[in-house]
Amino acid sequence: MNRLTPEQRFQIVQFYFENKGRDFHFLFSDEAHFWLNGYFNKQNCRIWGEANPQVYVETPLHPEKLTVWCALWAGEILLQKR
């Protein structure tokens, strides 16, 4: 799936509200990943220091994770764990 920009999301919602009378089978979905070894996305967390600690921590190349996918469709919530 391609990521939508905030402007594209706004245009979709605006189009939906302007055409409420039509019979839409509107679907919204999203997914999240949870790593089971405590890993988190380092792009969202930066730790700065003045000295190089000369320490490294080995992590698995492909850690176990749980992916949760959720969708809203015609008033229902669909949930799937992978």
PDB file of N, CA and C in Angstrom:
ATOM      1  N   MET A   1       0.830  -1.180   0.000  1.00  0.00           N
ATOM      2  CA  MET A   1       0.000   0.000   0.000  1.00  0.00           C
ATOM      3  C   MET A   1       0.872   1.240   0.000  1.00  0.00           C
ATOM      4  N   ASN A   2       0.462   2.219  -0.736  1.00  0.00           N
ATOM      5  CA  ASN A   2       1.173   3.490  -0.753  1.00  0.00           C
ATOM      6  C   ASN A   2       0.683   4.363   0.387  1.00  0.00           C
ATOM      7  N   ARG A   3       1.588   5.119   0.957  1.00  0.00           N
ATOM      8  CA  ARG A   3       1.233   6.050   2.026  1.00  0.00           C
ATOM      9  C   ARG A   3       0.609   7.297   1.411  1.00  0.00           C
ATOM     10  N   LEU A   4      -0.447   7.793   2.043  1.00  0.00           N
ATOM     11  CA  LEU A   4      -1.100   9.016   1.581  1.00  0.00           C
ATOM     12  C   LEU A   4      -0.553  10.206   2.353  1.00  0.00           C
ATOM     13  N   THR A   5      -0.459  11.318   1.682  1.00  0.00           N
ATOM     14  CA  THR A   5      -0.061  12.552   2.356  1.00  0.00           C
ATOM     15  C   THR A   5      -1.265  13.077   3.140  1.00  0.00           C
ATOM     16  N   PRO A   6      -1.044  13.935   4.135  1.00  0.00           N
ATOM     17  CA  PRO A   6      -2.179  14.509   4.867  1.00  0.00           C
ATOM     18  C   PRO A   6      -3.173  15.214   3.944  1.00  0.00           C
ATOM     19  N   GLU A   7      -2.685  15.870   2.896  1.00  0.00           N
ATOM     20  CA  GLU A   7      -3.587  16.547   1.957  1.00  0.00           C
ATOM     21  C   GLU A   7      -4.458  15.535   1.211  1.00  0.00           C
ATOM     22  N   GLN A   8      -3.877  14.406   0.789  1.00  0.00           N
ATOM     23  CA  GLN A   8      -4.653  13.374   0.095  1.00  0.00           C
ATOM     24  C   GLN A   8      -5.694  12.763   1.028  1.00  0.00           C
ATOM     25  N   ARG A   9      -5.337  12.549   2.290  1.00  0.00           N
ATOM     26  CA  ARG A   9      -6.301  12.016   3.263  1.00  0.00           C
ATOM     27  C   ARG A   9      -7.468  12.975   3.434  1.00  0.00           C
ATOM     28  N   PHE A  10      -7.154  14.277   3.541  1.00  0.00           N
ATOM     29  CA  PHE A  10      -8.194  15.286   3.693  1.00  0.00           C
ATOM     30  C   PHE A  10      -9.123  15.291   2.488  1.00  0.00           C
ATOM     31  N   GLN A  11      -8.570  15.176   1.277  1.00  0.00           N
ATOM     32  CA  GLN A  11      -9.386  15.167   0.064  1.00  0.00           C
ATOM     33  C   GLN A  11     -10.324  13.962   0.038  1.00  0.00           C
ATOM     34  N   ILE A  12      -9.863  12.809   0.483  1.00  0.00           N
ATOM     35  CA  ILE A  12     -10.712  11.611   0.514  1.00  0.00           C
ATOM     36  C   ILE A  12     -11.864  11.804   1.487  1.00  0.00           C
ATOM     37  N   VAL A  13     -11.560  12.312   2.687  1.00  0.00           N
ATOM     38  CA  VAL A  13     -12.613  12.534   3.684  1.00  0.00           C
ATOM     39  C   VAL A  13     -13.590  13.597   3.201  1.00  0.00           C
ATOM     40  N   GLN A  14     -13.084  14.658   2.606  1.00  0.00           N
ATOM     41  CA  GLN A  14     -13.951  15.720   2.088  1.00  0.00           C
ATOM     42  C   GLN A  14     -14.872  15.173   0.996  1.00  0.00           C
ATOM     43  N   PHE A  15     -14.342  14.371   0.083  1.00  0.00           N
ATOM     44  CA  PHE A  15     -15.155  13.758  -0.969  1.00  0.00           C
ATOM     45  C   PHE A  15     -16.242  12.872  -0.359  1.00  0.00           C
ATOM     46  N   TYR A  16     -15.897  12.104   0.655  1.00  0.00           N
ATOM     47  CA  TYR A  16     -16.870  11.218   1.301  1.00  0.00           C
ATOM     48  C   TYR A  16     -18.015  12.022   1.911  1.00  0.00           C
ATOM     49  N   PHE A  17     -17.692  13.095   2.652  1.00  0.00           N
ATOM     50  CA  PHE A  17     -18.742  13.881   3.298  1.00  0.00           C
ATOM     51  C   PHE A  17     -19.585  14.659   2.295  1.00  0.00           C
ATOM     52  N   GLU A  18     -19.031  15.044   1.159  1.00  0.00           N
ATOM     53  CA  GLU A  18     -19.808  15.736   0.133  1.00  0.00           C
ATOM     54  C   GLU A  18     -20.743  14.780  -0.609  1.00  0.00           C
ATOM     55  N   ASN A  19     -20.486  13.494  -0.562  1.00  0.00           N
ATOM     56  CA  ASN A  19     -21.278  12.499  -1.285  1.00  0.00           C
ATOM     57  C   ASN A  19     -21.885  11.476  -0.335  1.00  0.00           C
ATOM     58  N   LYS A  20     -22.397  11.934   0.810  1.00  0.00           N
ATOM     59  CA  LYS A  20     -22.933  11.027   1.826  1.00  0.00           C
ATOM     60  C   LYS A  20     -24.095  10.177   1.327  1.00  0.00           C
ATOM     61  N   GLY A  21     -24.885  10.701   0.420  1.00  0.00           N
ATOM     62  CA  GLY A  21     -26.076   9.990  -0.023  1.00  0.00           C
ATOM     63  C   GLY A  21     -25.794   8.755  -0.859  1.00  0.00           C
ATOM     64  N   ARG A  22     -24.629   8.654  -1.414  1.00  0.00           N
ATOM     65  CA  ARG A  22     -24.298   7.505  -2.262  1.00  0.00           C
ATOM     66  C   ARG A  22     -24.043   6.264  -1.421  1.00  0.00           C
ATOM     67  N   ASP A  23     -24.175   5.110  -2.050  1.00  0.00           N
ATOM     68  CA  ASP A  23     -23.952   3.836  -1.362  1.00  0.00           C
ATOM     69  C   ASP A  23     -22.480   3.441  -1.492  1.00  0.00           C
ATOM     70  N   PHE A  24     -21.674   3.869  -0.534  1.00  0.00           N
ATOM     71  CA  PHE A  24     -20.249   3.541  -0.554  1.00  0.00           C
ATOM     72  C   PHE A  24     -19.988   2.288   0.274  1.00  0.00           C
ATOM     73  N   HIS A  25     -19.080   1.503  -0.179  1.00  0.00           N
ATOM     74  CA  HIS A  25     -18.541   0.418   0.644  1.00  0.00           C
ATOM     75  C   HIS A  25     -17.171   0.905   1.091  1.00  0.00           C
ATOM     76  N   PHE A  26     -17.186   1.828   2.029  1.00  0.00           N
ATOM     77  CA  PHE A  26     -15.983   2.542   2.433  1.00  0.00           C
ATOM     78  C   PHE A  26     -15.123   1.652   3.311  1.00  0.00           C
ATOM     79  N   LEU A  27     -13.846   1.641   3.054  1.00  0.00           N
ATOM     80  CA  LEU A  27     -12.921   0.791   3.790  1.00  0.00           C
ATOM     81  C   LEU A  27     -11.718   1.610   4.221  1.00  0.00           C
ATOM     82  N   PHE A  28     -11.368   1.487   5.477  1.00  0.00           N
ATOM     83  CA  PHE A  28     -10.162   2.110   6.004  1.00  0.00           C
ATOM     84  C   PHE A  28      -9.367   1.032   6.705  1.00  0.00           C
ATOM     85  N   SER A  29      -8.073   0.959   6.452  1.00  0.00           N
ATOM     86  CA  SER A  29      -7.264  -0.060   7.111  1.00  0.00           C
ATOM     87  C   SER A  29      -5.908   0.504   7.504  1.00  0.00           C
ATOM     88  N   ASP A  30      -5.303  -0.165   8.457  1.00  0.00           N
ATOM     89  CA  ASP A  30      -3.964   0.203   8.900  1.00  0.00           C
ATOM     90  C   ASP A  30      -3.349  -1.025   9.550  1.00  0.00           C
ATOM     91  N   GLU A  31      -2.029  -1.027   9.659  1.00  0.00           N
ATOM     92  CA  GLU A  31      -1.363  -2.131  10.324  1.00  0.00           C
ATOM     93  C   GLU A  31      -0.228  -1.598  11.178  1.00  0.00           C
ATOM     94  N   ALA A  32       0.105  -2.372  12.207  1.00  0.00           N
ATOM     95  CA  ALA A  32       1.198  -2.009  13.105  1.00  0.00           C
ATOM     96  C   ALA A  32       2.033  -3.250  13.362  1.00  0.00           C
ATOM     97  N   HIS A  33       3.318  -3.040  13.604  1.00  0.00           N
ATOM     98  CA  HIS A  33       4.235  -4.146  13.869  1.00  0.00           C
ATOM     99  C   HIS A  33       4.752  -4.024  15.298  1.00  0.00           C
ATOM    100  N   PHE A  34       4.744  -5.136  16.027  1.00  0.00           N
ATOM    101  CA  PHE A  34       5.250  -5.187  17.391  1.00  0.00           C
ATOM    102  C   PHE A  34       6.327  -6.261  17.450  1.00  0.00           C
ATOM    103  N   TRP A  35       7.569  -5.864  17.744  1.00  0.00           N
ATOM    104  CA  TRP A  35       8.662  -6.825  17.831  1.00  0.00           C
ATOM    105  C   TRP A  35       8.647  -7.463  19.208  1.00  0.00           C
ATOM    106  N   LEU A  36       8.771  -8.789  19.263  1.00  0.00           N
ATOM    107  CA  LEU A  36       8.638  -9.535  20.505  1.00  0.00           C
ATOM    108  C   LEU A  36       9.912  -9.526  21.344  1.00  0.00           C
ATOM    109  N   ASN A  37      11.018  -9.034  20.801  1.00  0.00           N
ATOM    110  CA  ASN A  37      12.265  -8.989  21.570  1.00  0.00           C
ATOM    111  C   ASN A  37      12.531  -7.603  22.161  1.00  0.00           C
ATOM    112  N   GLY A  38      11.549  -6.713  22.115  1.00  0.00           N
ATOM    113  CA  GLY A  38      11.712  -5.381  22.671  1.00  0.00           C
ATOM    114  C   GLY A  38      12.272  -4.359  21.703  1.00  0.00           C
ATOM    115  N   TYR A  39      12.510  -4.747  20.468  1.00  0.00           N
ATOM    116  CA  TYR A  39      13.039  -3.825  19.456  1.00  0.00           C
ATOM    117  C   TYR A  39      12.045  -2.697  19.205  1.00  0.00           C
ATOM    118  N   PHE A  40      12.548  -1.520  18.928  1.00  0.00           N
ATOM    119  CA  PHE A  40      11.692  -0.406  18.528  1.00  0.00           C
ATOM    120  C   PHE A  40      12.363   0.314  17.377  1.00  0.00           C
ATOM    121  N   ASN A  41      11.593   1.091  16.670  1.00  0.00           N
ATOM    122  CA  ASN A  41      12.086   1.798  15.495  1.00  0.00           C
ATOM    123  C   ASN A  41      13.069   2.886  15.924  1.00  0.00           C
ATOM    124  N   LYS A  42      14.333   2.677  15.612  1.00  0.00           N
ATOM    125  CA  LYS A  42      15.363   3.625  16.041  1.00  0.00           C
ATOM    126  C   LYS A  42      15.239   4.971  15.338  1.00  0.00           C
ATOM    127  N   GLN A  43      14.518   5.034  14.227  1.00  0.00           N
ATOM    128  CA  GLN A  43      14.355   6.309  13.529  1.00  0.00           C
ATOM    129  C   GLN A  43      13.537   7.294  14.348  1.00  0.00           C
ATOM    130  N   ASN A  44      12.775   6.783  15.322  1.00  0.00           N
ATOM    131  CA  ASN A  44      11.949   7.654  16.152  1.00  0.00           C
ATOM    132  C   ASN A  44      12.613   7.987  17.484  1.00  0.00           C
ATOM    133  N   CYS A  45      13.809   7.471  17.729  1.00  0.00           N
ATOM    134  CA  CYS A  45      14.468   7.680  19.015  1.00  0.00           C
ATOM    135  C   CYS A  45      15.951   7.924  18.788  1.00  0.00           C
ATOM    136  N   ARG A  46      16.450   9.049  19.222  1.00  0.00           N
ATOM    137  CA  ARG A  46      17.877   9.368  19.107  1.00  0.00           C
ATOM    138  C   ARG A  46      18.431   9.628  20.510  1.00  0.00           C
ATOM    139  N   ILE A  47      19.548   8.996  20.822  1.00  0.00           N
ATOM    140  CA  ILE A  47      20.210   9.210  22.102  1.00  0.00           C
ATOM    141  C   ILE A  47      21.575   9.816  21.795  1.00  0.00           C
ATOM    142  N   TRP A  48      21.833  10.991  22.327  1.00  0.00           N
ATOM    143  CA  TRP A  48      23.078  11.699  22.042  1.00  0.00           C
ATOM    144  C   TRP A  48      23.987  11.637  23.257  1.00  0.00           C
ATOM    145  N   GLY A  49      25.280  11.566  23.016  1.00  0.00           N
ATOM    146  CA  GLY A  49      26.268  11.570  24.090  1.00  0.00           C
ATOM    147  C   GLY A  49      27.532  12.262  23.617  1.00  0.00           C
ATOM    148  N   GLU A  50      28.387  12.614  24.567  1.00  0.00           N
ATOM    149  CA  GLU A  50      29.621  13.312  24.215  1.00  0.00           C
ATOM    150  C   GLU A  50      30.772  12.359  23.938  1.00  0.00           C
ATOM    151  N   ALA A  51      30.683  11.111  24.421  1.00  0.00           N
ATOM    152  CA  ALA A  51      31.780  10.156  24.241  1.00  0.00           C
ATOM    153  C   ALA A  51      31.265   8.905  23.551  1.00  0.00           C
ATOM    154  N   ASN A  52      32.114   8.291  22.737  1.00  0.00           N
ATOM    155  CA  ASN A  52      31.774   7.034  22.087  1.00  0.00           C
ATOM    156  C   ASN A  52      31.920   5.911  23.114  1.00  0.00           C
ATOM    157  N   PRO A  53      30.861   5.160  23.417  1.00  0.00           N
ATOM    158  CA  PRO A  53      30.946   4.138  24.466  1.00  0.00           C
ATOM    159  C   PRO A  53      31.758   2.902  24.069  1.00  0.00           C
ATOM    160  N   GLN A  54      32.117   2.753  22.794  1.00  0.00           N
ATOM    161  CA  GLN A  54      32.883   1.594  22.317  1.00  0.00           C
ATOM    162  C   GLN A  54      32.186   0.278  22.666  1.00  0.00           C
ATOM    163  N   VAL A  55      30.863   0.282  22.613  1.00  0.00           N
ATOM    164  CA  VAL A  55      30.072  -0.907  22.927  1.00  0.00           C
ATOM    165  C   VAL A  55      29.092  -1.128  21.790  1.00  0.00           C
ATOM    166  N   TYR A  56      28.877  -2.375  21.439  1.00  0.00           N
ATOM    167  CA  TYR A  56      27.840  -2.681  20.467  1.00  0.00           C
ATOM    168  C   TYR A  56      27.018  -3.853  20.976  1.00  0.00           C
ATOM    169  N   VAL A  57      25.783  -3.913  20.555  1.00  0.00           N
ATOM    170  CA  VAL A  57      24.861  -4.970  20.958  1.00  0.00           C
ATOM    171  C   VAL A  57      24.407  -5.689  19.705  1.00  0.00           C
ATOM    172  N   GLU A  58      24.607  -7.002  19.679  1.00  0.00           N
ATOM    173  CA  GLU A  58      24.169  -7.783  18.526  1.00  0.00           C
ATOM    174  C   GLU A  58      22.668  -8.014  18.612  1.00  0.00           C
ATOM    175  N   THR A  59      22.007  -7.852  17.492  1.00  0.00           N
ATOM    176  CA  THR A  59      20.576  -8.120  17.419  1.00  0.00           C
ATOM    177  C   THR A  59      20.329  -9.075  16.265  1.00  0.00           C
ATOM    178  N   PRO A  60      19.277  -9.891  16.362  1.00  0.00           N
ATOM    179  CA  PRO A  60      18.977 -10.822  15.274  1.00  0.00           C
ATOM    180  C   PRO A  60      18.660 -10.069  13.979  1.00  0.00           C
ATOM    181  N   LEU A  61      19.003 -10.672  12.861  1.00  0.00           N
ATOM    182  CA  LEU A  61      18.744 -10.048  11.570  1.00  0.00           C
ATOM    183  C   LEU A  61      17.245  -9.924  11.303  1.00  0.00           C
ATOM    184  N   HIS A  62      16.481 -10.944  11.659  1.00  0.00           N
ATOM    185  CA  HIS A  62      15.031 -10.944  11.459  1.00  0.00           C
ATOM    186  C   HIS A  62      14.354 -11.312  12.781  1.00  0.00           C
ATOM    187  N   PRO A  63      14.167 -10.350  13.695  1.00  0.00           N
ATOM    188  CA  PRO A  63      13.541 -10.671  14.978  1.00  0.00           C
ATOM    189  C   PRO A  63      12.069 -11.048  14.801  1.00  0.00           C
ATOM    190  N   GLU A  64      11.584 -11.849  15.747  1.00  0.00           N
ATOM    191  CA  GLU A  64      10.169 -12.239  15.710  1.00  0.00           C
ATOM    192  C   GLU A  64       9.310 -11.004  15.948  1.00  0.00           C
ATOM    193  N   LYS A  65       8.220 -10.928  15.198  1.00  0.00           N
ATOM    194  CA  LYS A  65       7.327  -9.790  15.376  1.00  0.00           C
ATOM    195  C   LYS A  65       5.885 -10.238  15.168  1.00  0.00           C
ATOM    196  N   LEU A  66       4.989  -9.431  15.682  1.00  0.00           N
ATOM    197  CA  LEU A  66       3.559  -9.646  15.523  1.00  0.00           C
ATOM    198  C   LEU A  66       3.028  -8.469  14.723  1.00  0.00           C
ATOM    199  N   THR A  67       2.353  -8.755  13.623  1.00  0.00           N
ATOM    200  CA  THR A  67       1.749  -7.710  12.804  1.00  0.00           C
ATOM    201  C   THR A  67       0.244  -7.746  13.024  1.00  0.00           C
ATOM    202  N   VAL A  68      -0.323  -6.608  13.352  1.00  0.00           N
ATOM    203  CA  VAL A  68      -1.766  -6.503  13.573  1.00  0.00           C
ATOM    204  C   VAL A  68      -2.333  -5.614  12.475  1.00  0.00           C
ATOM    205  N   TRP A  69      -3.341  -6.127  11.782  1.00  0.00           N
ATOM    206  CA  TRP A  69      -4.006  -5.393  10.708  1.00  0.00           C
ATOM    207  C   TRP A  69      -5.448  -5.175  11.130  1.00  0.00           C
ATOM    208  N   CYS A  70      -5.941  -3.962  10.976  1.00  0.00           N
ATOM    209  CA  CYS A  70      -7.307  -3.640  11.375  1.00  0.00           C
ATOM    210  C   CYS A  70      -7.965  -2.819  10.272  1.00  0.00           C
ATOM    211  N   ALA A  71      -9.246  -3.078  10.017  1.00  0.00           N
ATOM    212  CA  ALA A  71      -9.976  -2.333   8.991  1.00  0.00           C
ATOM    213  C   ALA A  71     -11.377  -2.011   9.487  1.00  0.00           C
ATOM    214  N   LEU A  72     -11.891  -0.866   9.067  1.00  0.00           N
ATOM    215  CA  LEU A  72     -13.277  -0.474   9.329  1.00  0.00           C
ATOM    216  C   LEU A  72     -14.027  -0.583   8.016  1.00  0.00           C
ATOM    217  N   TRP A  73     -15.094  -1.351   8.016  1.00  0.00           N
ATOM    218  CA  TRP A  73     -15.826  -1.586   6.778  1.00  0.00           C
ATOM    219  C   TRP A  73     -17.305  -1.717   7.087  1.00  0.00           C
ATOM    220  N   ALA A  74     -18.108  -0.852   6.502  1.00  0.00           N
ATOM    221  CA  ALA A  74     -19.574  -0.875   6.615  1.00  0.00           C
ATOM    222  C   ALA A  74     -20.028  -1.021   8.066  1.00  0.00           C
ATOM    223  N   GLY A  75     -19.408  -0.273   8.941  1.00  0.00           N
ATOM    224  CA  GLY A  75     -19.819  -0.276  10.334  1.00  0.00           C
ATOM    225  C   GLY A  75     -19.229  -1.398  11.157  1.00  0.00           C
ATOM    226  N   GLU A  76     -18.390  -2.227  10.583  1.00  0.00           N
ATOM    227  CA  GLU A  76     -17.780  -3.326  11.318  1.00  0.00           C
ATOM    228  C   GLU A  76     -16.292  -3.072  11.491  1.00  0.00           C
ATOM    229  N   ILE A  77     -15.691  -3.796  12.418  1.00  0.00           N
ATOM    230  CA  ILE A  77     -14.246  -3.747  12.601  1.00  0.00           C
ATOM    231  C   ILE A  77     -13.699  -5.133  12.314  1.00  0.00           C
ATOM    232  N   LEU A  78     -12.767  -5.204  11.385  1.00  0.00           N
ATOM    233  CA  LEU A  78     -12.112  -6.462  11.049  1.00  0.00           C
ATOM    234  C   LEU A  78     -10.717  -6.432  11.648  1.00  0.00           C
ATOM    235  N   LEU A  79     -10.316  -7.506  12.320  1.00  0.00           N
ATOM    236  CA  LEU A  79      -9.017  -7.554  12.972  1.00  0.00           C
ATOM    237  C   LEU A  79      -8.315  -8.844  12.597  1.00  0.00           C
ATOM    238  N   GLN A  80      -7.057  -8.741  12.238  1.00  0.00           N
ATOM    239  CA  GLN A  80      -6.292  -9.923  11.856  1.00  0.00           C
ATOM    240  C   GLN A  80      -4.898  -9.814  12.447  1.00  0.00           C
ATOM    241  N   LYS A  81      -4.423 -10.908  13.067  1.00  0.00           N
ATOM    242  CA  LYS A  81      -3.058 -10.954  13.591  1.00  0.00           C
ATOM    243  C   LYS A  81      -2.245 -11.870  12.700  1.00  0.00           C
ATOM    244  N   ARG A  82      -1.032 -11.454  12.357  1.00  0.00           N
ATOM    245  CA  ARG A  82      -0.138 -12.288  11.548  1.00  0.00           C
ATOM    246  C   ARG A  82       1.146 -12.500  12.283  1.00  0.00           C
TER     247      ARG A  82
END
